[in-house]
N, C-alpha and C. Protein backbone atom coordinates (compact mmCIF):
# COMPACT_ATOMS: atom_id res chain seq x y z
N MET A 1 54.38 9.70 3.14
CA MET A 1 53.28 9.61 2.23
C MET A 1 52.14 10.51 2.69
N THR A 2 51.41 10.95 1.72
CA THR A 2 50.27 11.81 2.02
C THR A 2 49.01 10.96 2.06
N GLY A 3 47.98 11.51 2.71
CA GLY A 3 46.70 10.80 2.79
C GLY A 3 46.01 10.77 1.44
N ILE A 4 44.99 9.94 1.34
CA ILE A 4 44.27 9.81 0.07
C ILE A 4 43.58 11.11 -0.31
N GLU A 5 43.27 11.93 0.70
CA GLU A 5 42.60 13.20 0.42
C GLU A 5 43.48 14.14 -0.38
N HIS A 6 44.77 13.98 -0.29
CA HIS A 6 45.70 14.89 -0.97
C HIS A 6 46.20 14.33 -2.29
N THR A 7 45.76 13.15 -2.68
CA THR A 7 46.16 12.57 -3.96
C THR A 7 45.50 13.37 -5.08
N GLN A 8 46.25 13.65 -6.12
CA GLN A 8 45.73 14.47 -7.22
C GLN A 8 45.44 13.61 -8.44
N LEU A 9 44.41 13.98 -9.15
CA LEU A 9 44.06 13.34 -10.39
C LEU A 9 43.84 14.46 -11.40
N LYS A 10 44.85 14.73 -12.21
CA LYS A 10 44.83 15.82 -13.18
C LYS A 10 44.45 17.15 -12.54
N GLY A 11 45.03 17.49 -11.44
CA GLY A 11 44.81 18.78 -10.79
C GLY A 11 43.68 18.80 -9.79
N LEU A 12 42.87 17.74 -9.73
CA LEU A 12 41.77 17.68 -8.76
C LEU A 12 42.18 16.76 -7.62
N THR A 13 42.00 17.24 -6.44
CA THR A 13 42.29 16.37 -5.30
C THR A 13 41.04 15.59 -4.93
N ILE A 14 41.24 14.46 -4.31
CA ILE A 14 40.12 13.64 -3.86
C ILE A 14 39.28 14.43 -2.86
N LYS A 15 39.94 15.22 -2.04
CA LYS A 15 39.24 16.03 -1.05
C LYS A 15 38.28 17.00 -1.75
N ASN A 16 38.74 17.64 -2.83
CA ASN A 16 37.87 18.56 -3.57
C ASN A 16 36.69 17.84 -4.18
N LEU A 17 36.93 16.62 -4.70
CA LEU A 17 35.83 15.85 -5.28
C LEU A 17 34.80 15.46 -4.22
N ILE A 18 35.28 15.07 -3.05
CA ILE A 18 34.38 14.70 -1.96
C ILE A 18 33.53 15.90 -1.54
N VAL A 19 34.17 17.06 -1.41
CA VAL A 19 33.44 18.27 -1.03
C VAL A 19 32.42 18.63 -2.11
N THR A 20 32.81 18.51 -3.37
CA THR A 20 31.90 18.83 -4.47
C THR A 20 30.70 17.90 -4.48
N VAL A 21 30.95 16.61 -4.34
CA VAL A 21 29.85 15.63 -4.33
C VAL A 21 28.95 15.86 -3.13
N ALA A 22 29.53 16.09 -1.96
CA ALA A 22 28.73 16.34 -0.75
C ALA A 22 27.89 17.61 -0.91
N SER A 23 28.48 18.65 -1.46
CA SER A 23 27.75 19.91 -1.66
C SER A 23 26.61 19.71 -2.66
N THR A 24 26.89 19.00 -3.73
CA THR A 24 25.85 18.74 -4.73
C THR A 24 24.72 17.92 -4.14
N ALA A 25 25.07 16.92 -3.34
CA ALA A 25 24.05 16.09 -2.70
C ALA A 25 23.20 16.93 -1.75
N THR A 26 23.82 17.84 -1.03
CA THR A 26 23.09 18.70 -0.11
C THR A 26 22.12 19.61 -0.88
N ILE A 27 22.59 20.17 -1.98
CA ILE A 27 21.74 21.04 -2.79
C ILE A 27 20.55 20.26 -3.37
N VAL A 28 20.82 19.07 -3.88
CA VAL A 28 19.75 18.24 -4.45
C VAL A 28 18.75 17.86 -3.37
N LEU A 29 19.23 17.49 -2.20
CA LEU A 29 18.35 17.13 -1.09
C LEU A 29 17.49 18.31 -0.67
N SER A 30 18.08 19.49 -0.60
CA SER A 30 17.31 20.69 -0.25
C SER A 30 16.24 20.98 -1.30
N GLY A 31 16.60 20.86 -2.55
CA GLY A 31 15.63 21.07 -3.62
C GLY A 31 14.50 20.07 -3.58
N ALA A 32 14.84 18.81 -3.37
CA ALA A 32 13.81 17.76 -3.30
C ALA A 32 12.88 17.99 -2.10
N THR A 33 13.45 18.38 -0.98
CA THR A 33 12.64 18.65 0.21
C THR A 33 11.69 19.81 -0.05
N ALA A 34 12.20 20.87 -0.65
CA ALA A 34 11.35 22.02 -0.97
C ALA A 34 10.24 21.62 -1.94
N TYR A 35 10.57 20.82 -2.94
CA TYR A 35 9.58 20.36 -3.93
C TYR A 35 8.46 19.57 -3.25
N PHE A 36 8.83 18.62 -2.40
CA PHE A 36 7.81 17.80 -1.76
C PHE A 36 6.99 18.60 -0.76
N ASN A 37 7.61 19.57 -0.08
CA ASN A 37 6.85 20.44 0.82
C ASN A 37 5.82 21.26 0.04
N ILE A 38 6.23 21.83 -1.08
CA ILE A 38 5.32 22.62 -1.90
C ILE A 38 4.22 21.74 -2.46
N LYS A 39 4.58 20.53 -2.89
CA LYS A 39 3.59 19.60 -3.43
C LYS A 39 2.54 19.25 -2.37
N THR A 40 2.99 19.02 -1.15
CA THR A 40 2.07 18.71 -0.04
C THR A 40 1.18 19.91 0.26
N GLU A 41 1.75 21.10 0.28
CA GLU A 41 0.96 22.30 0.55
C GLU A 41 -0.10 22.51 -0.53
N ILE A 42 0.25 22.28 -1.78
CA ILE A 42 -0.71 22.43 -2.87
C ILE A 42 -1.84 21.40 -2.71
N SER A 43 -1.48 20.19 -2.38
CA SER A 43 -2.48 19.14 -2.19
C SER A 43 -3.42 19.49 -1.03
N ASP A 44 -2.85 19.95 0.08
CA ASP A 44 -3.67 20.35 1.22
C ASP A 44 -4.58 21.52 0.87
N SER A 45 -4.02 22.47 0.13
CA SER A 45 -4.80 23.64 -0.28
C SER A 45 -5.95 23.23 -1.19
N ARG A 46 -5.68 22.34 -2.12
CA ARG A 46 -6.71 21.85 -3.04
C ARG A 46 -7.82 21.14 -2.27
N SER A 47 -7.44 20.31 -1.31
CA SER A 47 -8.42 19.59 -0.51
C SER A 47 -9.28 20.57 0.30
N GLU A 48 -8.62 21.56 0.88
CA GLU A 48 -9.34 22.57 1.66
C GLU A 48 -10.30 23.37 0.77
N GLN A 49 -9.86 23.67 -0.43
CA GLN A 49 -10.69 24.43 -1.37
C GLN A 49 -11.91 23.60 -1.78
N GLN A 50 -11.72 22.31 -2.02
CA GLN A 50 -12.85 21.45 -2.38
C GLN A 50 -13.85 21.36 -1.24
N THR A 51 -13.35 21.27 -0.01
CA THR A 51 -14.23 21.23 1.15
C THR A 51 -15.03 22.52 1.25
N GLN A 52 -14.36 23.65 1.04
CA GLN A 52 -15.04 24.93 1.10
C GLN A 52 -16.10 25.05 0.00
N MET A 53 -15.80 24.52 -1.18
CA MET A 53 -16.77 24.55 -2.28
C MET A 53 -18.01 23.73 -1.92
N ARG A 54 -17.81 22.58 -1.31
CA ARG A 54 -18.94 21.74 -0.90
C ARG A 54 -19.80 22.46 0.14
N ILE A 55 -19.14 23.11 1.09
CA ILE A 55 -19.87 23.87 2.11
C ILE A 55 -20.68 24.98 1.46
N ASN A 56 -20.07 25.68 0.51
CA ASN A 56 -20.78 26.76 -0.18
C ASN A 56 -21.97 26.23 -0.98
N GLU A 57 -21.83 25.06 -1.60
CA GLU A 57 -22.94 24.46 -2.33
C GLU A 57 -24.10 24.13 -1.39
N ILE A 58 -23.78 23.59 -0.22
CA ILE A 58 -24.83 23.28 0.76
C ILE A 58 -25.52 24.56 1.22
N ARG A 59 -24.74 25.60 1.49
CA ARG A 59 -25.32 26.88 1.89
C ARG A 59 -26.23 27.43 0.80
N LEU A 60 -25.79 27.34 -0.44
CA LEU A 60 -26.58 27.84 -1.56
C LEU A 60 -27.90 27.09 -1.69
N LYS A 61 -27.84 25.76 -1.56
CA LYS A 61 -29.07 24.97 -1.63
C LYS A 61 -30.02 25.34 -0.51
N THR A 62 -29.48 25.55 0.70
CA THR A 62 -30.30 25.95 1.84
C THR A 62 -30.96 27.30 1.57
N LEU A 63 -30.19 28.24 1.07
CA LEU A 63 -30.74 29.57 0.77
C LEU A 63 -31.79 29.50 -0.33
N GLU A 64 -31.56 28.68 -1.34
CA GLU A 64 -32.55 28.53 -2.41
C GLU A 64 -33.85 27.95 -1.86
N GLY A 65 -33.74 27.00 -0.96
CA GLY A 65 -34.92 26.42 -0.33
C GLY A 65 -35.69 27.45 0.47
N ARG A 66 -34.96 28.30 1.19
CA ARG A 66 -35.61 29.35 1.98
C ARG A 66 -36.28 30.38 1.08
N VAL A 67 -35.63 30.71 -0.03
CA VAL A 67 -36.22 31.66 -0.97
C VAL A 67 -37.52 31.10 -1.53
N GLU A 68 -37.52 29.83 -1.90
CA GLU A 68 -38.75 29.20 -2.40
C GLU A 68 -39.86 29.25 -1.37
N LEU A 69 -39.52 28.96 -0.12
CA LEU A 69 -40.51 29.00 0.95
C LEU A 69 -41.05 30.41 1.12
N LEU A 70 -40.19 31.40 1.10
CA LEU A 70 -40.63 32.79 1.22
C LEU A 70 -41.52 33.19 0.05
N GLU A 71 -41.17 32.76 -1.14
CA GLU A 71 -41.99 33.07 -2.31
C GLU A 71 -43.38 32.46 -2.17
N GLN A 72 -43.46 31.24 -1.65
CA GLN A 72 -44.75 30.59 -1.44
C GLN A 72 -45.56 31.36 -0.41
N GLN A 73 -44.91 31.78 0.66
CA GLN A 73 -45.60 32.54 1.70
C GLN A 73 -46.10 33.87 1.16
N ILE A 74 -45.32 34.51 0.31
CA ILE A 74 -45.73 35.79 -0.29
C ILE A 74 -46.94 35.57 -1.18
N GLU A 75 -46.94 34.49 -1.95
CA GLU A 75 -48.08 34.19 -2.80
C GLU A 75 -49.33 33.91 -1.98
N GLN A 76 -49.17 33.22 -0.85
CA GLN A 76 -50.30 32.94 0.03
C GLN A 76 -50.88 34.24 0.61
N ILE A 77 -49.98 35.13 0.99
CA ILE A 77 -50.42 36.42 1.55
C ILE A 77 -51.16 37.23 0.47
N LYS A 78 -50.64 37.23 -0.75
CA LYS A 78 -51.28 37.94 -1.84
C LYS A 78 -52.67 37.35 -2.11
N ASP A 79 -52.78 36.02 -2.08
CA ASP A 79 -54.05 35.37 -2.34
C ASP A 79 -55.08 35.68 -1.26
N THR A 80 -54.65 35.75 -0.01
CA THR A 80 -55.60 36.03 1.08
C THR A 80 -56.05 37.48 1.07
N LYS A 81 -55.26 38.40 0.56
CA LYS A 81 -55.62 39.81 0.51
C LYS A 81 -56.58 40.10 -0.63
N GLN A 82 -56.63 39.27 -1.61
CA GLN A 82 -57.50 39.54 -2.76
C GLN A 82 -58.85 39.06 -2.54
């Protein structure tokens, strides 16, 4: 008698079916892993971008405050010269 791996079902051996299922499972697992890695990278990138935007907003507010202060000082200098 032959092993179950060599039993045929309409031209397909059980061994071929096992290899096909295992290969398909490997491909699906690789695809899922790649998907979740990309999803994580996008999430991390988005978080990093939001942090950078907040930092830029703080810098802009600081610069605007300094510009206002400089404008006031310029006005004071103009007033004292007149």
